[in-house]
């Protein structure tokens, strides 16, 4: 009896949801413009890669 109620509830929740389907629609950023996506990914990953080098340089130049 409980299982049937849970099944009915989850089915009704799925029917009421109005999300777009398709690849990239559930991401917090747009994948439509590949060049903008490339620039944003380079900036994001590049900043994470370059940060330790800039921190070490800053520490070595401190007096």
N, C-alpha and C. Protein backbone atom coordinates (compact mmCIF):
# COMPACT_ATOMS: atom_id res chain seq x y z
N UNK A 1 0.82 -1.19 0.00
CA UNK A 1 0.00 0.00 0.00
C UNK A 1 0.88 1.26 0.00
N UNK A 2 1.89 1.27 0.82
CA UNK A 2 2.80 2.41 0.86
C UNK A 2 3.56 2.53 -0.46
N UNK A 3 3.99 1.41 -1.01
CA UNK A 3 4.73 1.43 -2.27
C UNK A 3 3.88 1.99 -3.40
N UNK A 4 2.60 1.65 -3.42
CA UNK A 4 1.71 2.16 -4.47
C UNK A 4 1.54 3.67 -4.34
N UNK A 5 1.44 4.17 -3.12
CA UNK A 5 1.32 5.61 -2.90
C UNK A 5 2.57 6.34 -3.33
N UNK A 6 3.72 5.79 -3.01
CA UNK A 6 4.98 6.40 -3.43
C UNK A 6 5.10 6.40 -4.94
N UNK A 7 4.72 5.30 -5.56
CA UNK A 7 4.80 5.21 -7.02
C UNK A 7 3.87 6.25 -7.67
N UNK A 8 2.65 6.40 -7.15
CA UNK A 8 1.73 7.40 -7.71
C UNK A 8 2.26 8.81 -7.52
N UNK A 9 2.86 9.07 -6.35
CA UNK A 9 3.41 10.41 -6.09
C UNK A 9 4.55 10.73 -7.04
N UNK A 10 5.50 9.82 -7.21
CA UNK A 10 6.65 10.08 -8.07
C UNK A 10 6.22 10.21 -9.52
N UNK A 11 5.22 9.45 -9.93
CA UNK A 11 4.73 9.56 -11.31
C UNK A 11 4.10 10.92 -11.54
N UNK A 12 3.31 11.41 -10.58
CA UNK A 12 2.67 12.71 -10.75
C UNK A 12 3.70 13.84 -10.73
N UNK A 13 4.75 13.69 -9.93
CA UNK A 13 5.80 14.71 -9.89
C UNK A 13 6.51 14.76 -11.24
N UNK A 14 6.79 13.61 -11.82
CA UNK A 14 7.47 13.58 -13.12
C UNK A 14 6.59 14.18 -14.22
N UNK A 15 5.31 13.96 -14.13
CA UNK A 15 4.41 14.50 -15.15
C UNK A 15 4.29 16.01 -15.03
N UNK A 16 4.39 16.55 -13.82
CA UNK A 16 4.26 18.00 -13.62
C UNK A 16 5.54 18.76 -13.93
N UNK A 17 6.65 18.09 -14.03
CA UNK A 17 7.90 18.81 -14.29
C UNK A 17 7.95 19.25 -15.75
N UNK A 18 8.44 20.47 -15.97
CA UNK A 18 8.48 21.02 -17.32
C UNK A 18 9.90 21.44 -17.65
N UNK A 19 10.82 20.52 -17.64
CA UNK A 19 12.20 20.82 -17.97
C UNK A 19 12.43 20.51 -19.43
N UNK A 20 13.32 21.30 -20.03
CA UNK A 20 13.67 21.04 -21.42
C UNK A 20 14.55 19.80 -21.50
N UNK A 21 14.37 19.05 -22.54
CA UNK A 21 15.17 17.86 -22.74
C UNK A 21 16.25 18.14 -23.78
N UNK A 22 17.28 17.33 -23.74
CA UNK A 22 18.33 17.44 -24.74
C UNK A 22 19.68 17.66 -24.10
N UNK A 23 20.71 17.44 -24.88
CA UNK A 23 22.06 17.61 -24.35
C UNK A 23 22.38 19.06 -24.04
N UNK A 24 22.93 19.30 -22.86
CA UNK A 24 23.35 20.62 -22.46
C UNK A 24 22.27 21.47 -21.84
N UNK A 25 21.07 20.99 -21.75
CA UNK A 25 19.97 21.80 -21.21
C UNK A 25 19.97 21.82 -19.68
N UNK A 26 20.65 20.89 -19.04
CA UNK A 26 20.66 20.84 -17.58
C UNK A 26 21.97 21.37 -17.01
N UNK A 27 22.76 22.08 -17.80
CA UNK A 27 24.02 22.64 -17.35
C UNK A 27 23.83 24.10 -16.94
N UNK A 28 24.63 24.61 -16.01
CA UNK A 28 24.48 26.00 -15.57
C UNK A 28 25.13 27.01 -16.52
N UNK A 29 25.61 26.56 -17.67
CA UNK A 29 26.20 27.46 -18.66
C UNK A 29 25.74 27.03 -20.04
N UNK A 30 25.89 27.89 -21.01
CA UNK A 30 25.42 27.63 -22.36
C UNK A 30 26.50 26.91 -23.16
N UNK A 31 26.10 25.92 -23.92
CA UNK A 31 27.03 25.21 -24.79
C UNK A 31 26.70 25.47 -26.26
N UNK A 32 25.88 26.49 -26.52
CA UNK A 32 25.46 26.78 -27.89
C UNK A 32 26.59 27.41 -28.70
N UNK A 33 27.34 28.33 -28.11
CA UNK A 33 28.44 29.00 -28.80
C UNK A 33 29.74 28.32 -28.40
N UNK A 34 30.31 27.54 -29.32
CA UNK A 34 31.49 26.74 -28.95
C UNK A 34 32.73 27.60 -28.69
N UNK A 35 32.83 28.76 -29.32
CA UNK A 35 34.01 29.60 -29.11
C UNK A 35 33.95 30.30 -27.76
N UNK A 36 32.76 30.72 -27.35
CA UNK A 36 32.62 31.31 -26.02
C UNK A 36 32.86 30.26 -24.95
N UNK A 37 32.35 29.05 -25.18
CA UNK A 37 32.58 27.96 -24.25
C UNK A 37 34.07 27.65 -24.14
N UNK A 38 34.77 27.64 -25.26
CA UNK A 38 36.22 27.39 -25.25
C UNK A 38 36.95 28.47 -24.46
N UNK A 39 36.58 29.73 -24.66
CA UNK A 39 37.25 30.82 -23.94
C UNK A 39 36.97 30.73 -22.44
N UNK A 40 35.74 30.43 -22.07
CA UNK A 40 35.40 30.32 -20.65
C UNK A 40 36.11 29.14 -19.99
N UNK A 41 36.20 28.02 -20.69
CA UNK A 41 36.88 26.86 -20.12
C UNK A 41 38.38 27.11 -20.00
N UNK A 42 38.97 27.79 -20.99
CA UNK A 42 40.40 28.12 -20.90
C UNK A 42 40.66 29.06 -19.73
N UNK A 43 39.78 30.04 -19.55
CA UNK A 43 39.95 30.98 -18.43
C UNK A 43 39.78 30.25 -17.10
N UNK A 44 38.80 29.39 -17.00
CA UNK A 44 38.53 28.69 -15.75
C UNK A 44 39.67 27.73 -15.38
N UNK A 45 40.03 26.85 -16.31
CA UNK A 45 41.09 25.88 -16.02
C UNK A 45 42.46 26.53 -16.03
N UNK A 46 42.66 27.55 -16.87
CA UNK A 46 43.94 28.24 -16.92
C UNK A 46 44.23 29.00 -15.64
N UNK A 47 43.20 29.60 -15.05
CA UNK A 47 43.42 30.32 -13.79
C UNK A 47 43.78 29.35 -12.67
N UNK A 48 43.16 28.20 -12.65
CA UNK A 48 43.49 27.20 -11.63
C UNK A 48 44.89 26.63 -11.81
N UNK A 49 45.32 26.51 -13.05
CA UNK A 49 46.66 25.99 -13.31
C UNK A 49 47.73 27.04 -13.03
N UNK A 50 47.45 28.30 -13.34
CA UNK A 50 48.45 29.37 -13.21
C UNK A 50 48.56 29.90 -11.79
N UNK A 51 47.53 29.73 -10.98
CA UNK A 51 47.52 30.31 -9.63
C UNK A 51 48.72 29.88 -8.78
N UNK A 52 49.09 28.61 -8.71
CA UNK A 52 50.25 28.25 -7.88
C UNK A 52 51.55 28.90 -8.33
N UNK A 53 51.72 29.07 -9.64
CA UNK A 53 52.94 29.70 -10.15
C UNK A 53 52.99 31.17 -9.77
N UNK A 54 51.86 31.87 -9.86
CA UNK A 54 51.83 33.27 -9.45
C UNK A 54 52.01 33.42 -7.95
N UNK A 55 51.50 32.50 -7.17
CA UNK A 55 51.67 32.55 -5.71
C UNK A 55 53.13 32.35 -5.34
N UNK A 56 53.79 31.39 -5.97
CA UNK A 56 55.21 31.15 -5.70
C UNK A 56 56.03 32.36 -6.13
N UNK A 57 55.74 32.94 -7.29
CA UNK A 57 56.46 34.12 -7.75
C UNK A 57 56.29 35.27 -6.77
N UNK A 58 55.08 35.46 -6.28
CA UNK A 58 54.82 36.52 -5.32
C UNK A 58 55.62 36.30 -4.02
N UNK A 59 55.67 35.06 -3.56
CA UNK A 59 56.41 34.76 -2.33
C UNK A 59 57.91 34.95 -2.52
N UNK A 60 58.42 34.61 -3.69
CA UNK A 60 59.86 34.76 -3.94
C UNK A 60 60.26 36.23 -4.11
N UNK A 61 59.36 37.07 -4.60
CA UNK A 61 59.69 38.48 -4.79
C UNK A 61 59.47 39.32 -3.55
N UNK A 62 58.80 38.78 -2.53
CA UNK A 62 58.59 39.54 -1.29
C UNK A 62 59.92 39.76 -0.58
N UNK A 63 60.02 40.86 0.08
CA UNK A 63 61.27 41.13 0.82
C UNK A 63 61.04 40.96 2.30
